Amino acid sequence: MSTGSNQELVKRIAKLAKQNQELEGYIRKLEKQNEMLTRENERIRALYEKISPEGLKDMVEGYRREKSLKFNMATVLFADIHGFSKLIEEMDSTSVMDELDAILFEFSAIVDRYKIEKIKTIGDTFMCAGGIPVKNITNPVDVVMAAMEMRNLLENFEQNKRGSVNRIWDLRIGIHTGPVTAAISGKKKINYDIKGDTVNTASRVEGVSENGTILISVMTYELVKEFFACEYFGKLPVKYKDDLQIYRVKGIKPEFSIGGNGVLPNDSFRIKFGLIQFTDIQELILDKLEKDLPGHLFYHNVKHTVDVVTEVELIGWAEGCSDEEILLLKTAGLFHDAGHTVAYDDHEYHGTVIAREILPEYNYSSEQIDRICSLIMSTRLPPKPTNLLEDIICDSDLDYLGRSDFIPVSNTLFEELKAQNKMKSLNDWNKLQVKFISGHQYFTKTARSLREVNKQLQIERIQSLITE
């Protein structure tokens, strides 16, 4: 073979080798693309299964489960703002809509003040619910108060617009209390759409209401009858259930209204309302203590706070305190150790700071908050109360000194102090306890009669445990 032929063969072999290398690279690329297509195909198949009728149903139900809440006690209000058609026909349609919008705007402002959630407006029907999204025990009273304000607002609106004749607008309201399920929607502003028998029943109660009338179901009535004067209206047939009793709200009871006119609440109303509302505040603070108290607080724990709240009420009633004084005592008892969530030392002061932050949200007056903070500060050791309420809270705070379970409770306080290097030995602690109890006195007649005798027995029991 000639030299030229050899060179030509080498070139051909090199070219084939290069082509073969390129082909292998192309095959590898195809294999990668095939793998990607396979994965994409699997993803599409999974997506198809989701959007099939069965898969889509599961997906939507799962979403609803994640985006819905159950409320065991909510109070639903339907307000139908209706106009007298013959008179409205004589008005400009724009003016009619402007008036309706103005009324609905004011209704929204009313429910906001009572911390009631506006659900929606359907034409001329206004729907709202108390007890969502923040659960509270006072929502039936809140909603009935809001309903009365709505009725009064519409009366004043008509009087200012047209005087006592040619009335355009009137109002029918229906209210019912019970469990609801709330579907949540929205990102920037959260909206709630509530469903269930409670909603349907409230709508039906509104349907049988009359002009200027607030009707409530028997469930709502039982929860508000202490505050409002109501009269029996009739029965509402309910499918698959017994007839539902309906009551008409006439106004606030005379003894709870300014001037006895049944329109505006007086101080007695607010204090009675506060005693019920205290349950919500107590739940809030006890949850805070459970979550935020340090683990080494074996004595100053949730149980101690509950004991003090219970004891101030017991001694308070026995000492002849008024309803307002009982409310102040219970509130101070609830907050008196809340400062332990901030610091052990000066916890009384920190408790007053927490009280001043929270209590305005529950409509406590500045004067009431000042008195509560003074009661909290009076629990500093050694106790030096200056009035009856301070006597009561100091006796309640040290109630354990005269109880039969004194020694085990006292030991928890020793363990608490020991964990913070504030006390070394149990023997030293017992000596300190004897000295403290011997110099201690209960200030109220009630506490002395309940605890003083047993307290002397505790001194003897501790002395028997002391070793020199």
Foldseek 3Di string as FASTA:
>chain_A
DDPVVVVVVVVVVVVVVVVVVVVVVVVVVVVVVVVVVVVVVVVVVVVVCLPDPVNVVVVVVVVQVVQKDKFFKKKKKKKAKAWDVVLVVVDDPVVVVVVLVVLVVVLVVLCVVLVWAFADQDPRMTMIMPCPPPHFLCNLVSVVLSVLVSLVVLVVVQCVPPNPPPGTIWMFMFMEIGMWMWGWDDDPDIHTDIDDPRNVVRVVRSVPTDTSWYKYWVRSCVSCVVFFDKAWDAWDDDPPDHTITMITTPATQLVQAVVRPRRHGDPVVLLVSLVRRVVVVLVVLLVCQVPQADPLQLQLGSVLLVQLLVQLLVVCVVVPHDSNLNSLSNVLSSQLQSLNSPPDPPSLVSSLVVLVVPVVVVVDDPVSSVSSSVLSVQCPPPHDDDDDSNLRSNCSSVLLLQDPCNVVSLVSVVSSCVVVVNDPDPLVSLVVSLVVLVPDDRDDPVSCVVGVVSNVVVSVVSVVVHDD
